Amino acid sequence: DEFILLHGSGDVASSRQTAEAIIDTLSQRFLVEERSLSV
């Protein structure tokens, strides 16, 4: 379950914004074969 990203900006603010967006996106529930899953 390990992923890695090469973000195109070396800017702290941009990296922070991207990380926050990833956490927010993946915190939303997933519907997998009629099961509502949260990670």
Full PDB file with SEQRES, HELIX, SHEET, SSBOND, CRYST1, ORIGX, SCALE, CONECT and MASTER records, all heavy atoms in Angstrom:
SEQRES   1 A   39  ASP GLU PHE ILE LEU LEU HIS GLY SER GLY ASP VAL ALA          
SEQRES   2 A   39  SER SER ARG GLN THR ALA GLU ALA ILE ILE ASP THR LEU          
SEQRES   3 A   39  SER GLN ARG PHE LEU VAL GLU GLU ARG SER LEU SER VAL          
HELIX    1 AA1 VAL A   12  SER A   27  1                                  16    
SHEET    1 AA1 2 PHE A  30  VAL A  32  0                                        
SHEET    2 AA1 2 ARG A  35  LEU A  37 -1                                        
CRYST1    1.000    1.000    1.000  90.00  90.00  90.00 P 1           1          
ORIGX1      1.000000  0.000000  0.000000        0.00000                         
ORIGX2      0.000000  1.000000  0.000000        0.00000                         
ORIGX3      0.000000  0.000000  1.000000        0.00000                         
SCALE1      1.000000  0.000000  0.000000        0.00000                         
SCALE2      0.000000  1.000000  0.000000        0.00000                         
SCALE3      0.000000  0.000000  1.000000        0.00000                         
ATOM      1  N   ASP A   1       0.833  -1.207   0.000  1.00  0.00           N  
ATOM      2  CA  ASP A   1       0.000   0.000   0.000  1.00  0.00           C  
ATOM      3  C   ASP A   1       0.862   1.249   0.000  1.00  0.00           C  
ATOM      4  O   ASP A   1       0.411   2.312   0.418  1.00  0.00           O  
ATOM      5  CB  ASP A   1      -0.935  -0.010   1.215  1.00  0.00           C  
ATOM      6  CG  ASP A   1      -0.169   0.011   2.530  1.00  0.00           C  
ATOM      7  OD1 ASP A   1       1.006  -0.373   2.532  1.00  0.00           O  
ATOM      8  OD2 ASP A   1      -0.748   0.415   3.552  1.00  0.00           O  
ATOM      9  N   GLU A   2       2.097   1.137  -0.489  1.00  0.00           N  
ATOM     10  CA  GLU A   2       3.026   2.271  -0.496  1.00  0.00           C  
ATOM     11  C   GLU A   2       3.111   2.872  -1.901  1.00  0.00           C  
ATOM     12  O   GLU A   2       3.364   2.169  -2.879  1.00  0.00           O  
ATOM     13  CB  GLU A   2       4.403   1.820  -0.025  1.00  0.00           C  
ATOM     14  CG  GLU A   2       5.364   2.972   0.203  1.00  0.00           C  
ATOM     15  CD  GLU A   2       6.648   2.526   0.863  1.00  0.00           C  
ATOM     16  OE1 GLU A   2       7.524   1.996   0.150  1.00  0.00           O  
ATOM     17  OE2 GLU A   2       6.770   2.677   2.097  1.00  0.00           O  
ATOM     18  N   PHE A   3       2.927   4.185  -1.969  1.00  0.00           N  
ATOM     19  CA  PHE A   3       3.017   4.937  -3.220  1.00  0.00           C  
ATOM     20  C   PHE A   3       4.087   6.011  -3.064  1.00  0.00           C  
ATOM     21  O   PHE A   3       4.451   6.382  -1.945  1.00  0.00           O  
ATOM     22  CB  PHE A   3       1.676   5.594  -3.550  1.00  0.00           C  
ATOM     23  CG  PHE A   3       0.557   4.623  -3.817  1.00  0.00           C  
ATOM     24  CD1 PHE A   3      -0.110   4.005  -2.766  1.00  0.00           C  
ATOM     25  CD2 PHE A   3       0.177   4.327  -5.116  1.00  0.00           C  
ATOM     26  CE1 PHE A   3      -1.141   3.118  -2.995  1.00  0.00           C  
ATOM     27  CE2 PHE A   3      -0.856   3.436  -5.368  1.00  0.00           C  
ATOM     28  CZ  PHE A   3      -1.520   2.828  -4.308  1.00  0.00           C  
ATOM     29  N   ILE A   4       4.552   6.526  -4.199  1.00  0.00           N  
ATOM     30  CA  ILE A   4       5.532   7.600  -4.153  1.00  0.00           C  
ATOM     31  C   ILE A   4       5.283   8.543  -5.321  1.00  0.00           C  
ATOM     32  O   ILE A   4       4.851   8.132  -6.400  1.00  0.00           O  
ATOM     33  CB  ILE A   4       6.972   7.047  -4.172  1.00  0.00           C  
ATOM     34  CG1 ILE A   4       7.955   8.139  -3.769  1.00  0.00           C  
ATOM     35  CG2 ILE A   4       7.316   6.441  -5.513  1.00  0.00           C  
ATOM     36  CD1 ILE A   4       9.293   7.609  -3.311  1.00  0.00           C  
ATOM     37  N   LEU A   5       5.531   9.817  -5.059  1.00  0.00           N  
ATOM     38  CA  LEU A   5       5.233  10.857  -6.038  1.00  0.00           C  
ATOM     39  C   LEU A   5       6.457  11.745  -6.226  1.00  0.00           C  
ATOM     40  O   LEU A   5       7.095  12.133  -5.247  1.00  0.00           O  
ATOM     41  CB  LEU A   5       4.049  11.709  -5.545  1.00  0.00           C  
ATOM     42  CG  LEU A   5       3.701  12.949  -6.370  1.00  0.00           C  
ATOM     43  CD1 LEU A   5       3.120  12.540  -7.718  1.00  0.00           C  
ATOM     44  CD2 LEU A   5       2.725  13.833  -5.609  1.00  0.00           C  
ATOM     45  N   LEU A   6       6.774  12.032  -7.485  1.00  0.00           N  
ATOM     46  CA  LEU A   6       7.776  13.043  -7.803  1.00  0.00           C  
ATOM     47  C   LEU A   6       7.026  14.285  -8.242  1.00  0.00           C  
ATOM     48  O   LEU A   6       6.508  14.358  -9.354  1.00  0.00           O  
ATOM     49  CB  LEU A   6       8.727  12.560  -8.899  1.00  0.00           C  
ATOM     50  CG  LEU A   6       9.835  13.550  -9.305  1.00  0.00           C  
ATOM     51  CD1 LEU A   6      10.691  13.923  -8.097  1.00  0.00           C  
ATOM     52  CD2 LEU A   6      10.698  12.956 -10.417  1.00  0.00           C  
ATOM     53  N   HIS A   7       6.912  15.237  -7.311  1.00  0.00           N  
ATOM     54  CA  HIS A   7       6.167  16.469  -7.563  1.00  0.00           C  
ATOM     55  C   HIS A   7       7.052  17.440  -8.325  1.00  0.00           C  
ATOM     56  O   HIS A   7       8.234  17.611  -7.991  1.00  0.00           O  
ATOM     57  CB  HIS A   7       5.724  17.062  -6.229  1.00  0.00           C  
ATOM     58  CG  HIS A   7       4.926  18.326  -6.350  1.00  0.00           C  
ATOM     59  ND1 HIS A   7       3.855  18.450  -7.201  1.00  0.00           N  
ATOM     60  CD2 HIS A   7       5.052  19.530  -5.718  1.00  0.00           C  
ATOM     61  CE1 HIS A   7       3.347  19.653  -7.077  1.00  0.00           C  
ATOM     62  NE2 HIS A   7       4.058  20.332  -6.195  1.00  0.00           N  
ATOM     63  N   GLY A   8       6.483  18.090  -9.318  1.00  0.00           N  
ATOM     64  CA  GLY A   8       7.272  18.912 -10.219  1.00  0.00           C  
ATOM     65  C   GLY A   8       7.765  20.218  -9.661  1.00  0.00           C  
ATOM     66  O   GLY A   8       8.476  20.948 -10.349  1.00  0.00           O  
ATOM     67  N   SER A   9       7.418  20.545  -8.433  1.00  0.00           N  
ATOM     68  CA  SER A   9       7.862  21.795  -7.835  1.00  0.00           C  
ATOM     69  C   SER A   9       8.678  21.503  -6.581  1.00  0.00           C  
ATOM     70  O   SER A   9       8.292  20.680  -5.761  1.00  0.00           O  
ATOM     71  CB  SER A   9       6.665  22.675  -7.469  1.00  0.00           C  
ATOM     72  OG  SER A   9       7.094  23.809  -6.726  1.00  0.00           O  
ATOM     73  N   GLY A  10       9.813  22.192  -6.454  1.00  0.00           N  
ATOM     74  CA  GLY A  10      10.634  22.057  -5.257  1.00  0.00           C  
ATOM     75  C   GLY A  10      10.293  23.089  -4.217  1.00  0.00           C  
ATOM     76  O   GLY A  10      11.068  23.325  -3.282  1.00  0.00           O  
ATOM     77  N   ASP A  11       9.122  23.682  -4.323  1.00  0.00           N  
ATOM     78  CA  ASP A  11       8.682  24.731  -3.407  1.00  0.00           C  
ATOM     79  C   ASP A  11       7.946  24.108  -2.225  1.00  0.00           C  
ATOM     80  O   ASP A  11       7.089  23.235  -2.403  1.00  0.00           O  
ATOM     81  CB  ASP A  11       7.763  25.700  -4.160  1.00  0.00           C  
ATOM     82  CG  ASP A  11       7.205  26.767  -3.248  1.00  0.00           C  
ATOM     83  OD1 ASP A  11       7.979  27.654  -2.843  1.00  0.00           O  
ATOM     84  OD2 ASP A  11       6.008  26.694  -2.914  1.00  0.00           O  
ATOM     85  N   VAL A  12       8.256  24.553  -1.000  1.00  0.00           N  
ATOM     86  CA  VAL A  12       7.636  23.987   0.191  1.00  0.00           C  
ATOM     87  C   VAL A  12       6.126  24.201   0.171  1.00  0.00           C  
ATOM     88  O   VAL A  12       5.351  23.284   0.469  1.00  0.00           O  
ATOM     89  CB  VAL A  12       8.249  24.610   1.468  1.00  0.00           C  
ATOM     90  CG1 VAL A  12       7.476  24.178   2.705  1.00  0.00           C  
ATOM     91  CG2 VAL A  12       9.710  24.222   1.593  1.00  0.00           C  
ATOM     92  N   ALA A  13       5.697  25.404  -0.178  1.00  0.00           N  
ATOM     93  CA  ALA A  13       4.268  25.708  -0.161  1.00  0.00           C  
ATOM     94  C   ALA A  13       3.507  24.826  -1.147  1.00  0.00           C  
ATOM     95  O   ALA A  13       2.429  24.301  -0.835  1.00  0.00           O  
ATOM     96  CB  ALA A  13       4.048  27.179  -0.482  1.00  0.00           C  
ATOM     97  N   SER A  14       4.053  24.634  -2.345  1.00  0.00           N  
ATOM     98  CA  SER A  14       3.389  23.794  -3.340  1.00  0.00           C  
ATOM     99  C   SER A  14       3.347  22.338  -2.892  1.00  0.00           C  
ATOM    100  O   SER A  14       2.339  21.642  -3.057  1.00  0.00           O  
ATOM    101  CB  SER A  14       4.116  23.907  -4.678  1.00  0.00           C  
ATOM    102  OG  SER A  14       3.557  23.031  -5.631  1.00  0.00           O  
ATOM    103  N   SER A  15       4.448  21.869  -2.301  1.00  0.00           N  
ATOM    104  CA  SER A  15       4.491  20.490  -1.812  1.00  0.00           C  
ATOM    105  C   SER A  15       3.489  20.279  -0.686  1.00  0.00           C  
ATOM    106  O   SER A  15       2.803  19.255  -0.624  1.00  0.00           O  
ATOM    107  CB  SER A  15       5.904  20.151  -1.330  1.00  0.00           C  
ATOM    108  OG  SER A  15       6.840  20.291  -2.379  1.00  0.00           O  
ATOM    109  N   ARG A  16       3.409  21.262   0.201  1.00  0.00           N  
ATOM    110  CA  ARG A  16       2.447  21.170   1.293  1.00  0.00           C  
ATOM    111  C   ARG A  16       1.020  21.115   0.755  1.00  0.00           C  
ATOM    112  O   ARG A  16       0.200  20.312   1.203  1.00  0.00           O  
ATOM    113  CB  ARG A  16       2.621  22.369   2.228  1.00  0.00           C  
ATOM    114  CG  ARG A  16       1.669  22.377   3.433  1.00  0.00           C  
ATOM    115  CD  ARG A  16       1.863  23.656   4.237  1.00  0.00           C  
ATOM    116  NE  ARG A  16       3.214  23.741   4.757  1.00  0.00           N  
ATOM    117  CZ  ARG A  16       3.608  23.181   5.892  1.00  0.00           C  
ATOM    118  NH1 ARG A  16       2.747  22.484   6.623  1.00  0.00           N  
ATOM    119  NH2 ARG A  16       4.856  23.321   6.303  1.00  0.00           N  
ATOM    120  N   GLN A  17       0.722  21.967  -0.226  1.00  0.00           N  
ATOM    121  CA  GLN A  17      -0.620  21.999  -0.804  1.00  0.00           C  
ATOM    122  C   GLN A  17      -0.955  20.670  -1.468  1.00  0.00           C  
ATOM    123  O   GLN A  17      -2.079  20.159  -1.332  1.00  0.00           O  
ATOM    124  CB  GLN A  17      -0.711  23.143  -1.815  1.00  0.00           C  
ATOM    125  CG  GLN A  17      -2.095  23.335  -2.409  1.00  0.00           C  
ATOM    126  CD  GLN A  17      -2.138  24.509  -3.382  1.00  0.00           C  
ATOM    127  OE1 GLN A  17      -1.106  24.967  -3.874  1.00  0.00           O  
ATOM    128  NE2 GLN A  17      -3.329  25.008  -3.671  1.00  0.00           N  
ATOM    129  N   THR A  18       0.010  20.083  -2.163  1.00  0.00           N  
ATOM    130  CA  THR A  18      -0.226  18.802  -2.821  1.00  0.00           C  
ATOM    131  C   THR A  18      -0.459  17.694  -1.800  1.00  0.00           C  
ATOM    132  O   THR A  18      -1.358  16.862  -1.946  1.00  0.00           O  
ATOM    133  CB  THR A  18       0.965  18.440  -3.723  1.00  0.00           C  
ATOM    134  OG1 THR A  18       1.106  19.450  -4.732  1.00  0.00           O  
ATOM    135  CG2 THR A  18       0.767  17.089  -4.382  1.00  0.00           C  
ATOM    136  N   ALA A  19       0.359  17.685  -0.745  1.00  0.00           N  
ATOM    137  CA  ALA A  19       0.192  16.662   0.295  1.00  0.00           C  
ATOM    138  C   ALA A  19      -1.167  16.788   0.974  1.00  0.00           C  
ATOM    139  O   ALA A  19      -1.837  15.778   1.245  1.00  0.00           O  
ATOM    140  CB  ALA A  19       1.317  16.786   1.322  1.00  0.00           C  
ATOM    141  N   GLU A  20      -1.592  18.010   1.259  1.00  0.00           N  
ATOM    142  CA  GLU A  20      -2.900  18.217   1.881  1.00  0.00           C  
ATOM    143  C   GLU A  20      -4.016  17.738   0.960  1.00  0.00           C  
ATOM    144  O   GLU A  20      -5.004  17.141   1.415  1.00  0.00           O  
ATOM    145  CB  GLU A  20      -3.085  19.695   2.221  1.00  0.00           C  
ATOM    146  CG  GLU A  20      -2.201  20.174   3.373  1.00  0.00           C  
ATOM    147  CD  GLU A  20      -2.271  21.668   3.581  1.00  0.00           C  
ATOM    148  OE1 GLU A  20      -2.789  22.369   2.665  1.00  0.00           O  
ATOM    149  OE2 GLU A  20      -1.818  22.160   4.637  1.00  0.00           O  
ATOM    150  N   ALA A  21      -3.866  17.990  -0.340  1.00  0.00           N  
ATOM    151  CA  ALA A  21      -4.887  17.550  -1.299  1.00  0.00           C  
ATOM    152  C   ALA A  21      -4.962  16.027  -1.363  1.00  0.00           C  
ATOM    153  O   ALA A  21      -6.046  15.445  -1.444  1.00  0.00           O  
ATOM    154  CB  ALA A  21      -4.585  18.128  -2.678  1.00  0.00           C  
ATOM    155  N   ILE A  22      -3.802  15.362  -1.310  1.00  0.00           N  
ATOM    156  CA  ILE A  22      -3.780  13.896  -1.334  1.00  0.00           C  
ATOM    157  C   ILE A  22      -4.461  13.331  -0.100  1.00  0.00           C  
ATOM    158  O   ILE A  22      -5.297  12.417  -0.184  1.00  0.00           O  
ATOM    159  CB  ILE A  22      -2.327  13.390  -1.435  1.00  0.00           C  
ATOM    160  CG1 ILE A  22      -1.760  13.698  -2.824  1.00  0.00           C  
ATOM    161  CG2 ILE A  22      -2.253  11.888  -1.146  1.00  0.00           C  
ATOM    162  CD1 ILE A  22      -0.288  13.379  -2.971  1.00  0.00           C  
ATOM    163  N   ILE A  23      -4.116  13.869   1.073  1.00  0.00           N  
ATOM    164  CA  ILE A  23      -4.721  13.379   2.315  1.00  0.00           C  
ATOM    165  C   ILE A  23      -6.224  13.599   2.301  1.00  0.00           C  
ATOM    166  O   ILE A  23      -7.001  12.722   2.691  1.00  0.00           O  
ATOM    167  CB  ILE A  23      -4.064  14.070   3.531  1.00  0.00           C  
ATOM    168  CG1 ILE A  23      -2.611  13.600   3.670  1.00  0.00           C  
ATOM    169  CG2 ILE A  23      -4.844  13.783   4.817  1.00  0.00           C  
ATOM    170  CD1 ILE A  23      -1.839  14.302   4.754  1.00  0.00           C  
ATOM    171  N   ASP A  24      -6.653  14.772   1.831  1.00  0.00           N  
ATOM    172  CA  ASP A  24      -8.090  15.066   1.781  1.00  0.00           C  
ATOM    173  C   ASP A  24      -8.802  14.142   0.794  1.00  0.00           C  
ATOM    174  O   ASP A  24      -9.892  13.618   1.077  1.00  0.00           O  
ATOM    175  CB  ASP A  24      -8.302  16.528   1.389  1.00  0.00           C  
ATOM    176  CG  ASP A  24      -9.775  16.892   1.300  1.00  0.00           C  
ATOM    177  OD1 ASP A  24     -10.445  16.872   2.348  1.00  0.00           O  
ATOM    178  OD2 ASP A  24     -10.248  17.188   0.192  1.00  0.00           O  
ATOM    179  N   THR A  25      -8.197  13.913  -0.360  1.00  0.00           N  
ATOM    180  CA  THR A  25      -8.817  13.072  -1.381  1.00  0.00           C  
ATOM    181  C   THR A  25      -8.956  11.622  -0.919  1.00  0.00           C  
ATOM    182  O   THR A  25     -10.004  10.992  -1.093  1.00  0.00           O  
ATOM    183  CB  THR A  25      -7.988  13.116  -2.679  1.00  0.00           C  
ATOM    184  OG1 THR A  25      -8.002  14.450  -3.197  1.00  0.00           O  
ATOM    185  CG2 THR A  25      -8.565  12.177  -3.721  1.00  0.00           C  
ATOM    186  N   LEU A  26      -7.904  11.106  -0.296  1.00  0.00           N  
ATOM    187  CA  LEU A  26      -7.938   9.701   0.112  1.00  0.00           C  
ATOM    188  C   LEU A  26      -8.707   9.490   1.404  1.00  0.00           C  
ATOM    189  O   LEU A  26      -9.004   8.341   1.761  1.00  0.00           O  
ATOM    190  CB  LEU A  26      -6.513   9.161   0.255  1.00  0.00           C  
ATOM    191  CG  LEU A  26      -5.687   9.143  -1.035  1.00  0.00           C  
ATOM    192  CD1 LEU A  26      -4.359   8.438  -0.802  1.00  0.00           C  
ATOM    193  CD2 LEU A  26      -6.444   8.476  -2.175  1.00  0.00           C  
ATOM    194  N   SER A  27      -9.019  10.557   2.135  1.00  0.00           N  
ATOM    195  CA  SER A  27      -9.832  10.404   3.347  1.00  0.00           C  
ATOM    196  C   SER A  27     -11.311  10.218   3.021  1.00  0.00           C  
ATOM    197  O   SER A  27     -12.088   9.781   3.869  1.00  0.00           O  
ATOM    198  CB  SER A  27      -9.655  11.621   4.259  1.00  0.00           C  
ATOM    199  OG  SER A  27     -10.206  12.788   3.652  1.00  0.00           O  
ATOM    200  N   GLN A  28     -11.702  10.545   1.778  1.00  0.00           N  
ATOM    201  CA  GLN A  28     -13.085  10.345   1.370  1.00  0.00           C  
ATOM    202  C   GLN A  28     -13.326   8.856   1.105  1.00  0.00           C  
ATOM    203  O   GLN A  28     -12.450   8.150   0.620  1.00  0.00           O  
ATOM    204  CB  GLN A  28     -13.373  11.164   0.112  1.00  0.00           C  
ATOM    205  CG  GLN A  28     -13.171  12.664   0.323  1.00  0.00           C  
ATOM    206  CD  GLN A  28     -13.247  13.438  -0.975  1.00  0.00           C  
ATOM    207  OE1 GLN A  28     -13.916  13.026  -1.920  1.00  0.00           O  
ATOM    208  NE2 GLN A  28     -12.556  14.570  -1.036  1.00  0.00           N  
ATOM    209  N   ARG A  29     -14.494   8.399   1.433  1.00  0.00           N  
ATOM    210  CA  ARG A  29     -14.782   6.964   1.395  1.00  0.00           C  
ATOM    211  C   ARG A  29     -14.743   6.417  -0.031  1.00  0.00           C  
ATOM    212  O   ARG A  29     -15.043   7.121  -0.995  1.00  0.00           O  
ATOM    213  CB  ARG A  29     -16.147   6.675   2.033  1.00  0.00           C  
ATOM    214  CG  ARG A  29     -16.235   7.124   3.485  1.00  0.00           C  
ATOM    215  CD  ARG A  29     -17.513   6.654   4.137  1.00  0.00           C  
ATOM    216  NE  ARG A  29     -17.482   5.230   4.400  1.00  0.00           N  
ATOM    217  CZ  ARG A  29     -16.933   4.679   5.489  1.00  0.00           C  
ATOM    218  NH1 ARG A  29     -16.382   5.438   6.413  1.00  0.00           N  
ATOM    219  NH2 ARG A  29     -16.959   3.370   5.657  1.00  0.00           N  
ATOM    220  N   PHE A  30     -14.368   5.148  -0.137  1.00  0.00           N  
ATOM    221  CA  PHE A  30     -14.315   4.439  -1.414  1.00  0.00           C  
ATOM    222  C   PHE A  30     -15.445   3.415  -1.450  1.00  0.00           C  
ATOM    223  O   PHE A  30     -15.717   2.745  -0.451  1.00  0.00           O  
ATOM    224  CB  PHE A  30     -12.985   3.697  -1.568  1.00  0.00           C  
ATOM    225  CG  PHE A  30     -11.786   4.585  -1.754  1.00  0.00           C  
ATOM    226  CD1 PHE A  30     -11.146   5.152  -0.655  1.00  0.00           C  
ATOM    227  CD2 PHE A  30     -11.296   4.848  -3.020  1.00  0.00           C  
ATOM    228  CE1 PHE A  30     -10.032   5.954  -0.828  1.00  0.00           C  
ATOM    229  CE2 PHE A  30     -10.190   5.657  -3.200  1.00  0.00           C  
ATOM    230  CZ  PHE A  30      -9.549   6.213  -2.096  1.00  0.00           C  
ATOM    231  N   LEU A  31     -16.064   3.291  -2.592  1.00  0.00           N  
ATOM    232  CA  LEU A  31     -17.068   2.257  -2.797  1.00  0.00           C  
ATOM    233  C   LEU A  31     -16.422   1.145  -3.608  1.00  0.00           C  
ATOM    234  O   LEU A  31     -16.104   1.309  -4.785  1.00  0.00           O  
ATOM    235  CB  LEU A  31     -18.291   2.811  -3.537  1.00  0.00           C  
ATOM    236  CG  LEU A  31     -19.445   1.816  -3.728  1.00  0.00           C  
ATOM    237  CD1 LEU A  31     -19.999   1.387  -2.367  1.00  0.00           C  
ATOM    238  CD2 LEU A  31     -20.551   2.437  -4.576  1.00  0.00           C  
ATOM    239  N   VAL A  32     -16.209   0.006  -2.940  1.00  0.00           N  
ATOM    240  CA  VAL A  32     -15.537  -1.134  -3.573  1.00  0.00           C  
ATOM    241  C   VAL A  32     -16.465  -2.338  -3.486  1.00  0.00           C  
ATOM    242  O   VAL A  32     -16.727  -2.859  -2.398  1.00  0.00           O  
ATOM    243  CB  VAL A  32     -14.200  -1.442  -2.881  1.00  0.00           C  
ATOM    244  CG1 VAL A  32     -13.515  -2.624  -3.554  1.00  0.00           C  
ATOM    245  CG2 VAL A  32     -13.292  -0.214  -2.900  1.00  0.00           C  
ATOM    246  N   GLU A  33     -16.986  -2.745  -4.638  1.00  0.00           N  
ATOM    247  CA  GLU A  33     -17.895  -3.894  -4.710  1.00  0.00           C  
ATOM    248  C   GLU A  33     -18.996  -3.785  -3.650  1.00  0.00           C  
ATOM    249  O   GLU A  33     -19.203  -4.686  -2.839  1.00  0.00           O  
ATOM    250  CB  GLU A  33     -17.104  -5.198  -4.551  1.00  0.00           C  
ATOM    251  CG  GLU A  33     -16.106  -5.426  -5.685  1.00  0.00           C  
ATOM    252  CD  GLU A  33     -15.450  -6.796  -5.623  1.00  0.00           C  
ATOM    253  OE1 GLU A  33     -15.946  -7.638  -4.853  1.00  0.00           O  
ATOM    254  OE2 GLU A  33     -14.467  -7.014  -6.344  1.00  0.00           O  
ATOM    255  N   GLU A  34     -19.656  -2.642  -3.662  1.00  0.00           N  
ATOM    256  CA  GLU A  34     -20.793  -2.349  -2.798  1.00  0.00           C  
ATOM    257  C   GLU A  34     -20.414  -2.243  -1.318  1.00  0.00           C  
ATOM    258  O   GLU A  34     -21.278  -2.241  -0.444  1.00  0.00           O  
ATOM    259  CB  GLU A  34     -21.896  -3.401  -2.974  1.00  0.00           C  
ATOM    260  CG  GLU A  34     -22.441  -3.460  -4.402  1.00  0.00           C  
ATOM    261  CD  GLU A  34     -23.577  -4.462  -4.540  1.00  0.00           C  
ATOM    262  OE1 GLU A  34     -23.832  -5.193  -3.562  1.00  0.00           O  
ATOM    263  OE2 GLU A  34     -24.204  -4.500  -5.619  1.00  0.00           O  
ATOM    264  N   ARG A  35     -19.113  -2.137  -1.025  1.00  0.00           N  
ATOM    265  CA  ARG A  35     -18.659  -1.911   0.345  1.00  0.00           C  
ATOM    266  C   ARG A  35     -18.113  -0.495   0.450  1.00  0.00           C  
ATOM    267  O   ARG A  35     -17.310  -0.070  -0.377  1.00  0.00           O  
ATOM    268  CB  ARG A  35     -17.581  -2.917   0.746  1.00  0.00           C  
ATOM    269  CG  ARG A  35     -18.077  -4.351   0.849  1.00  0.00           C  
ATOM    270  CD  ARG A  35     -16.921  -5.280   1.238  1.00  0.00           C  
ATOM    271  NE  ARG A  35     -17.378  -6.644   1.438  1.00  0.00           N  
ATOM    272  CZ  ARG A  35     -17.465  -7.552   0.490  1.00  0.00           C  
ATOM    273  NH1 ARG A  35     -17.131  -7.229  -0.749  1.00  0.00           N  
ATOM    274  NH2 ARG A  35     -17.875  -8.773   0.759  1.00  0.00           N  
ATOM    275  N   SER A  36     -18.513   0.210   1.475  1.00  0.00           N  
ATOM    276  CA  SER A  36     -18.015   1.567   1.718  1.00  0.00           C  
ATOM    277  C   SER A  36     -16.808   1.465   2.638  1.00  0.00           C  
ATOM    278  O   SER A  36     -16.926   1.075   3.803  1.00  0.00           O  
ATOM    279  CB  SER A  36     -19.117   2.417   2.364  1.00  0.00           C  
ATOM    280  OG  SER A  36     -18.641   3.729   2.613  1.00  0.00           O  
ATOM    281  N   LEU A  37     -15.628   1.791   2.109  1.00  0.00           N  
ATOM    282  CA  LEU A  37     -14.372   1.624   2.835  1.00  0.00           C  
ATOM    283  C   LEU A  37     -13.717   2.977   3.089  1.00  0.00           C  
ATOM    284  O   LEU A  37     -13.775   3.881   2.249  1.00  0.00           O  
ATOM    285  CB  LEU A  37     -13.410   0.734   2.048  1.00  0.00           C  
ATOM    286  CG  LEU A  37     -13.929  -0.654   1.665  1.00  0.00           C  
ATOM    287  CD1 LEU A  37     -12.887  -1.398   0.857  1.00  0.00           C  
ATOM    288  CD2 LEU A  37     -14.324  -1.445   2.904  1.00  0.00           C  
ATOM    289  N   SER A  38     -13.085   3.077   4.242  1.00  0.00           N  
ATOM    290  CA  SER A  38     -12.418   4.327   4.623  1.00  0.00           C  
ATOM    291  C   SER A  38     -10.974   4.035   4.989  1.00  0.00           C  
ATOM    292  O   SER A  38     -10.692   3.118   5.767  1.00  0.00           O  
ATOM    293  CB  SER A  38     -13.142   4.972   5.803  1.00  0.00           C  
ATOM    294  OG  SER A  38     -12.456   6.137   6.241  1.00  0.00           O  
ATOM    295  N   VAL A  39     -10.052   4.788   4.425  1.00  0.00           N  
ATOM    296  CA  VAL A  39      -8.640   4.682   4.774  1.00  0.00           C  
ATOM    297  C   VAL A  39      -8.098   6.095   4.980  1.00  0.00           C  
ATOM    298  O   VAL A  39      -8.704   7.078   4.564  1.00  0.00           O  
ATOM    299  CB  VAL A  39      -7.806   3.973   3.681  1.00  0.00           C  
ATOM    300  CG1 VAL A  39      -8.231   2.533   3.516  1.00  0.00           C  
ATOM    301  CG2 VAL A  39      -7.906   4.716   2.352  1.00  0.00           C  
TER     302      VAL A  39                                                      
MASTER        0    0    0    1    2    0    0    6  301    1    0    3          
END                                                                             
